[in-house]
Amino acid sequence: QVQLVESGGGLVQAGGSLRLSCAASGRTFSMYATGWFRQAPGKEREFVVAISRGGGITSYADSVKGRFTISRDNAKNTVYLQMNSLSPEDTAIYYCAAHATSYSGSSRADEYEYWGQGTQVTVSA
């Protein structure tokens, strides 16, 4: 089992940047592919990006390609999400999740076994 804690959210103006972190504890973090999802008020949770256990494979939602970058440091048990050129449409609670059975992760939230509590990202116009 692994525990996940997100941090780095906050309020930023449109065009700005934020860097989210997802810190893991428990089992060896390199055993899990990791994904970021987000949920805006009144909307379903949506896939943002996933990274493989080793960090060499990434998959991005079209809405964030070219603006967001995921990376991981398994020595620090942490996954990062660098978000640039933020827009109000990026406002949401951002969650990281760990996938135990797929090497590269998935865009399907129901396939992730472990979730963090989320961190709020608010982008003002």
C-alpha atoms as a PDB file:
ATOM      1  CA  GLN A   1       0.000   0.000   0.000  1.00  0.00           C
ATOM      2  CA  VAL A   2       1.126   3.551  -0.711  1.00  0.00           C
ATOM      3  CA  GLN A   3       0.010   6.885   0.697  1.00  0.00           C
ATOM      4  CA  LEU A   4       0.007   9.983  -1.497  1.00  0.00           C
ATOM      5  CA  VAL A   5       0.086  13.634  -0.499  1.00  0.00           C
ATOM      6  CA  GLU A   6      -0.244  16.452  -3.024  1.00  0.00           C
ATOM      7  CA  SER A   7       1.075  19.948  -2.515  1.00  0.00           C
ATOM      8  CA  GLY A   8       1.857  23.066  -4.474  1.00  0.00           C
ATOM      9  CA  GLY A   9      -1.605  24.225  -5.396  1.00  0.00           C
ATOM     10  CA  GLY A  10      -2.725  27.805  -5.026  1.00  0.00           C
ATOM     11  CA  LEU A  11      -4.038  30.892  -6.739  1.00  0.00           C
ATOM     12  CA  VAL A  12      -2.322  32.136  -9.869  1.00  0.00           C
ATOM     13  CA  GLN A  13      -3.166  34.578 -12.633  1.00  0.00           C
ATOM     14  CA  ALA A  14      -3.838  33.415 -16.156  1.00  0.00           C
ATOM     15  CA  GLY A  15      -0.594  32.792 -17.988  1.00  0.00           C
ATOM     16  CA  GLY A  16       1.194  31.905 -14.792  1.00  0.00           C
ATOM     17  CA  SER A  17       2.780  28.697 -13.595  1.00  0.00           C
ATOM     18  CA  LEU A  18       2.537  26.284 -10.707  1.00  0.00           C
ATOM     19  CA  ARG A  19       4.434  23.172  -9.764  1.00  0.00           C
ATOM     20  CA  LEU A  20       2.527  20.427  -8.021  1.00  0.00           C
ATOM     21  CA  SER A  21       4.201  17.664  -6.048  1.00  0.00           C
ATOM     22  CA  CYS A  22       2.920  14.243  -5.104  1.00  0.00           C
ATOM     23  CA  ALA A  23       4.885  12.683  -2.274  1.00  0.00           C
ATOM     24  CA  ALA A  24       4.527   8.974  -1.621  1.00  0.00           C
ATOM     25  CA  SER A  25       5.142   6.871   1.438  1.00  0.00           C
ATOM     26  CA  GLY A  26       4.682   3.218   2.163  1.00  0.00           C
ATOM     27  CA  ARG A  27       5.671   0.704  -0.482  1.00  0.00           C
ATOM     28  CA  THR A  28       8.404   1.437  -2.981  1.00  0.00           C
ATOM     29  CA  PHE A  29       7.071   4.210  -5.169  1.00  0.00           C
ATOM     30  CA  SER A  30       8.909   3.009  -8.252  1.00  0.00           C
ATOM     31  CA  MET A  31       6.532   0.039  -8.296  1.00  0.00           C
ATOM     32  CA  TYR A  32       3.656   2.334  -9.315  1.00  0.00           C
ATOM     33  CA  ALA A  33       2.826   4.226 -12.431  1.00  0.00           C
ATOM     34  CA  THR A  34       1.420   7.582 -11.421  1.00  0.00           C
ATOM     35  CA  GLY A  35      -1.270   9.784 -12.843  1.00  0.00           C
ATOM     36  CA  TRP A  36      -2.638  13.251 -12.271  1.00  0.00           C
ATOM     37  CA  PHE A  37      -6.349  13.876 -12.531  1.00  0.00           C
ATOM     38  CA  ARG A  38      -8.421  16.968 -11.915  1.00  0.00           C
ATOM     39  CA  GLN A  39     -11.973  17.754 -11.025  1.00  0.00           C
ATOM     40  CA  ALA A  40     -13.628  21.103 -11.530  1.00  0.00           C
ATOM     41  CA  PRO A  41     -16.833  22.092  -9.723  1.00  0.00           C
ATOM     42  CA  GLY A  42     -19.828  20.364 -11.248  1.00  0.00           C
ATOM     43  CA  LYS A  43     -17.683  18.263 -13.581  1.00  0.00           C
ATOM     44  CA  GLU A  44     -16.432  14.724 -13.606  1.00  0.00           C
ATOM     45  CA  ARG A  45     -12.883  13.874 -12.692  1.00  0.00           C
ATOM     46  CA  GLU A  46     -10.717  13.971 -15.802  1.00  0.00           C
ATOM     47  CA  PHE A  47      -7.351  12.592 -16.767  1.00  0.00           C
ATOM     48  CA  VAL A  48      -4.465  15.033 -17.041  1.00  0.00           C
ATOM     49  CA  VAL A  49      -1.266  13.030 -17.436  1.00  0.00           C
ATOM     50  CA  ALA A  50       0.383   9.745 -16.498  1.00  0.00           C
ATOM     51  CA  ILE A  51       3.987   8.645 -16.075  1.00  0.00           C
ATOM     52  CA  SER A  52       5.419   5.167 -16.063  1.00  0.00           C
ATOM     53  CA  ARG A  53       7.152   3.539 -13.143  1.00  0.00           C
ATOM     54  CA  GLY A  54      10.568   4.392 -14.484  1.00  0.00           C
ATOM     55  CA  GLY A  55       9.575   7.812 -15.785  1.00  0.00           C
ATOM     56  CA  GLY A  56      10.393   7.135 -19.411  1.00  0.00           C
ATOM     57  CA  ILE A  57       6.823   6.936 -20.717  1.00  0.00           C
ATOM     58  CA  THR A  58       4.348   9.773 -20.390  1.00  0.00           C
ATOM     59  CA  SER A  59       0.852  10.350 -21.691  1.00  0.00           C
ATOM     60  CA  TYR A  60      -0.917  13.708 -21.709  1.00  0.00           C
ATOM     61  CA  ALA A  61      -4.476  14.816 -22.215  1.00  0.00           C
ATOM     62  CA  ASP A  62      -4.795  16.953 -25.334  1.00  0.00           C
ATOM     63  CA  SER A  63      -5.935  19.897 -23.253  1.00  0.00           C
ATOM     64  CA  VAL A  64      -2.594  20.150 -21.442  1.00  0.00           C
ATOM     65  CA  LYS A  65      -0.094  19.035 -24.074  1.00  0.00           C
ATOM     66  CA  GLY A  66       2.691  21.531 -24.516  1.00  0.00           C
ATOM     67  CA  ARG A  67       1.796  23.324 -21.272  1.00  0.00           C
ATOM     68  CA  PHE A  68       2.133  20.701 -18.550  1.00  0.00           C
ATOM     69  CA  THR A  69       5.121  18.466 -17.857  1.00  0.00           C
ATOM     70  CA  ILE A  70       5.169  15.457 -15.566  1.00  0.00           C
ATOM     71  CA  SER A  71       8.335  14.047 -14.047  1.00  0.00           C
ATOM     72  CA  ARG A  72       9.288  11.821 -11.180  1.00  0.00           C
ATOM     73  CA  ASP A  73      12.182  11.307  -8.818  1.00  0.00           C
ATOM     74  CA  ASN A  74      11.933   7.798  -7.431  1.00  0.00           C
ATOM     75  CA  ALA A  75      14.824   8.419  -5.060  1.00  0.00           C
ATOM     76  CA  LYS A  76      12.649  11.082  -3.420  1.00  0.00           C
ATOM     77  CA  ASN A  77       9.387   9.151  -3.874  1.00  0.00           C
ATOM     78  CA  THR A  78       7.910  12.188  -5.575  1.00  0.00           C
ATOM     79  CA  VAL A  79       6.123  12.982  -8.811  1.00  0.00           C
ATOM     80  CA  TYR A  80       5.954  16.539 -10.093  1.00  0.00           C
ATOM     81  CA  LEU A  81       3.556  18.335 -12.371  1.00  0.00           C
ATOM     82  CA  GLN A  82       4.896  21.548 -13.869  1.00  0.00           C
ATOM     83  CA  MET A  83       2.004  23.610 -15.180  1.00  0.00           C
ATOM     84  CA  ASN A  84       2.703  26.572 -17.455  1.00  0.00           C
ATOM     85  CA  SER A  85       0.484  28.959 -19.383  1.00  0.00           C
ATOM     86  CA  LEU A  86      -2.366  28.325 -17.014  1.00  0.00           C
ATOM     87  CA  SER A  87      -5.853  29.430 -17.925  1.00  0.00           C
ATOM     88  CA  PRO A  88      -9.060  29.695 -15.882  1.00  0.00           C
ATOM     89  CA  GLU A  89     -10.169  26.426 -17.507  1.00  0.00           C
ATOM     90  CA  ASP A  90      -7.405  24.694 -15.536  1.00  0.00           C
ATOM     91  CA  THR A  91      -9.073  25.588 -12.253  1.00  0.00           C
ATOM     92  CA  ALA A  92      -9.807  22.366 -10.389  1.00  0.00           C
ATOM     93  CA  ILE A  93      -8.764  20.130  -7.558  1.00  0.00           C
ATOM     94  CA  TYR A  94      -5.774  18.143  -8.735  1.00  0.00           C
ATOM     95  CA  TYR A  95      -5.268  14.594  -7.539  1.00  0.00           C
ATOM     96  CA  CYS A  96      -2.383  12.223  -7.951  1.00  0.00           C
ATOM     97  CA  ALA A  97      -2.985   8.515  -8.099  1.00  0.00           C
ATOM     98  CA  ALA A  98      -0.905   5.347  -8.135  1.00  0.00           C
ATOM     99  CA  HIS A  99      -1.474   2.449 -10.486  1.00  0.00           C
ATOM    100  CA  ALA A 100      -0.172  -0.890  -9.250  1.00  0.00           C
ATOM    101  CA  THR A 101      -0.708  -3.127 -12.262  1.00  0.00           C
ATOM    102  CA  SER A 102       0.235  -1.108 -15.343  1.00  0.00           C
ATOM    103  CA  TYR A 103       3.839  -0.156 -16.047  1.00  0.00           C
ATOM    104  CA  SER A 104       2.892   3.016 -17.930  1.00  0.00           C
ATOM    105  CA  GLY A 105      -0.326   3.978 -16.189  1.00  0.00           C
ATOM    106  CA  SER A 106      -3.723   4.700 -17.666  1.00  0.00           C
ATOM    107  CA  SER A 107      -6.121   7.506 -18.475  1.00  0.00           C
ATOM    108  CA  ARG A 108      -8.904   5.710 -16.610  1.00  0.00           C
ATOM    109  CA  ALA A 109      -9.388   6.856 -13.058  1.00  0.00           C
ATOM    110  CA  ASP A 110     -11.088   3.609 -12.048  1.00  0.00           C
ATOM    111  CA  GLU A 111      -7.863   1.704 -12.703  1.00  0.00           C
ATOM    112  CA  TYR A 112      -5.875   3.555 -10.050  1.00  0.00           C
ATOM    113  CA  GLU A 113      -5.782   1.975  -6.644  1.00  0.00           C
ATOM    114  CA  TYR A 114      -4.445   4.770  -4.476  1.00  0.00           C
ATOM    115  CA  TRP A 115      -5.318   8.453  -4.371  1.00  0.00           C
ATOM    116  CA  GLY A 116      -4.165  11.550  -2.605  1.00  0.00           C
ATOM    117  CA  GLN A 117      -6.478  14.051  -0.968  1.00  0.00           C
ATOM    118  CA  GLY A 118      -6.074  16.638  -3.725  1.00  0.00           C
ATOM    119  CA  THR A 119      -4.735  20.160  -3.975  1.00  0.00           C
ATOM    120  CA  GLN A 120      -6.713  23.157  -5.204  1.00  0.00           C
ATOM    121  CA  VAL A 121      -5.517  25.081  -8.230  1.00  0.00           C
ATOM    122  CA  THR A 122      -7.310  28.318  -9.006  1.00  0.00           C
ATOM    123  CA  VAL A 123      -6.465  30.398 -12.053  1.00  0.00           C
ATOM    124  CA  SER A 124      -7.878  33.897 -12.198  1.00  0.00           C
ATOM    125  CA  ALA A 125      -8.593  35.679 -15.450  1.00  0.00           C
END
